[in-house]
Each structure stands twice: as structure tokens, then as C-alpha cells.
Amino acid sequence: MITVDSISKTPFNYPCDYSIKIFGKNCEKFQNTICAIIECHTHKLNPNKITKKHSSKGNYVSFSIRIIANSKVQLDSINQDLKNCHLVSYVL
């Protein structure tokens, strides 16, 4: 019999490799700002774990940043802080 206690509330087994995708206007301080936000909740980001892509017209940019996530609380905090940033359009 499956009980509520036996069902995991998260699909992840922490710590785990986790990718955060962030979209925003292409401006000079966007990358430094989002990296600083994420680093408040993690260790220093590895530059090899950051992928940058420009939109077709170059007005927007997206970053995929891979981190080692330690908990759902950590991920929720990162996502909320990114959403609160005026430079960020979307967080996935």
C-alpha cells in the first residue's frame, strides 16, 4: 500500500546536478548579476558550467547554468531571487 509518507515530494535525490535557465535583455551587467544571485546560494560558479545564447536579433540572451543543488529550499530561494531581479525576464 502506498502512503503519502512513502511518496517523495520531489523528483530529485539531493545533492544533484541541476540546470537553471535564465532569460533577459542583452545588457552588460546581466551575466554578472545573475551569477552573483546564484552564488549567494551556492559555491562559486564554474565558468565551464555556464552556457550563453543570444536571440536571433541579439536583443535578448539566455543562460543555462549548472549547479549542484542541495535541497528544494535552495532551488526555491534561487528561483525567487532571480524572479525578483528586474533584469530577468524568465526563469526555467
Protein backbone atom coordinates (compact mmCIF):
# COMPACT_ATOMS: atom_id res chain seq x y z
CA MET A 1 0.00 0.00 0.00
CA ILE A 2 1.35 3.42 -0.96
CA THR A 3 1.01 6.10 1.67
CA VAL A 4 1.55 9.83 1.49
CA ASP A 5 4.72 9.42 3.58
CA SER A 6 6.19 6.94 1.10
CA ILE A 7 5.78 9.24 -1.90
CA SER A 8 8.69 11.60 -2.40
CA LYS A 9 7.67 15.25 -2.61
CA THR A 10 10.48 15.96 -5.05
CA PRO A 11 11.69 14.09 -8.14
CA PHE A 12 15.32 14.79 -7.20
CA ASN A 13 17.74 12.99 -4.94
CA TYR A 14 19.88 15.71 -3.35
CA PRO A 15 22.61 16.67 -3.89
CA CYS A 16 22.14 16.58 -7.66
CA ASP A 17 23.24 18.26 -10.87
CA TYR A 18 20.62 20.89 -11.76
CA SER A 19 20.31 23.31 -14.68
CA ILE A 20 18.80 26.77 -14.30
CA LYS A 21 17.80 28.60 -17.49
CA ILE A 22 17.52 32.38 -17.28
CA PHE A 23 16.29 34.78 -19.99
CA GLY A 24 16.63 38.55 -20.11
CA LYS A 25 17.52 41.64 -22.13
CA ASN A 26 21.02 41.56 -23.52
CA CYS A 27 22.82 44.09 -21.33
CA GLU A 28 26.32 44.41 -19.97
CA LYS A 29 25.55 43.59 -16.33
CA PHE A 30 23.06 40.73 -16.85
CA GLN A 31 25.52 37.83 -16.55
CA ASN A 32 27.35 39.23 -13.53
CA THR A 33 24.07 39.97 -11.77
CA ILE A 34 22.50 36.54 -12.24
CA CYS A 35 25.74 34.77 -11.34
CA ALA A 36 26.01 36.83 -8.15
CA ILE A 37 22.43 35.93 -7.22
CA ILE A 38 23.07 32.22 -7.72
CA GLU A 39 26.41 32.35 -5.89
CA CYS A 40 24.61 33.72 -2.81
CA HIS A 41 23.04 30.27 -2.52
CA THR A 42 25.86 28.07 -3.87
CA HIS A 43 29.62 27.95 -4.10
CA LYS A 44 31.49 29.93 -6.76
CA LEU A 45 30.15 29.03 -10.21
CA ASN A 46 32.36 27.11 -12.61
CA PRO A 47 32.65 29.08 -15.90
CA ASN A 48 32.56 25.75 -17.78
CA LYS A 49 29.02 25.21 -16.42
CA ILE A 50 27.64 28.43 -17.93
CA THR A 51 26.22 28.45 -21.45
CA LYS A 52 25.19 31.69 -23.15
CA LYS A 53 22.95 32.05 -26.22
CA HIS A 54 21.79 35.22 -27.96
CA SER A 55 18.38 35.65 -29.57
CA SER A 56 18.25 35.87 -33.37
CA LYS A 57 18.20 39.70 -33.30
CA GLY A 58 20.58 39.93 -30.34
CA ASN A 59 18.15 41.83 -28.12
CA TYR A 60 17.82 39.01 -25.58
CA VAL A 61 20.15 36.47 -24.08
CA SER A 62 19.67 33.18 -22.26
CA PHE A 63 21.98 31.47 -19.82
CA SER A 64 21.96 27.83 -18.79
CA ILE A 65 23.81 27.49 -15.51
CA ARG A 66 24.50 24.08 -14.00
CA ILE A 67 24.85 23.82 -10.23
CA ILE A 68 24.94 21.15 -7.59
CA ALA A 69 21.59 21.55 -5.85
CA ASN A 70 21.46 20.55 -2.20
CA SER A 71 17.75 20.94 -1.45
CA LYS A 72 14.38 22.09 -2.76
CA VAL A 73 14.58 25.04 -0.37
CA GLN A 74 17.83 26.12 -2.01
CA LEU A 75 16.33 25.88 -5.51
CA ASP A 76 13.20 27.76 -4.44
CA SER A 77 15.36 30.54 -2.95
CA ILE A 78 17.47 30.84 -6.11
CA ASN A 79 14.39 30.94 -8.32
CA GLN A 80 12.66 33.56 -6.16
CA ASP A 81 15.72 35.81 -6.04
CA LEU A 82 16.15 35.55 -9.82
CA LYS A 83 12.46 36.34 -10.39
CA ASN A 84 12.80 39.39 -8.14
CA CYS A 85 15.67 40.74 -10.26
CA HIS A 86 14.48 43.47 -12.65
CA LEU A 87 16.95 42.29 -15.35
CA VAL A 88 15.44 38.78 -15.51
CA SER A 89 12.50 38.14 -17.85
CA TYR A 90 12.01 34.38 -17.30
CA VAL A 91 13.44 31.59 -15.16
CA LEU A 92 13.07 27.93 -16.04
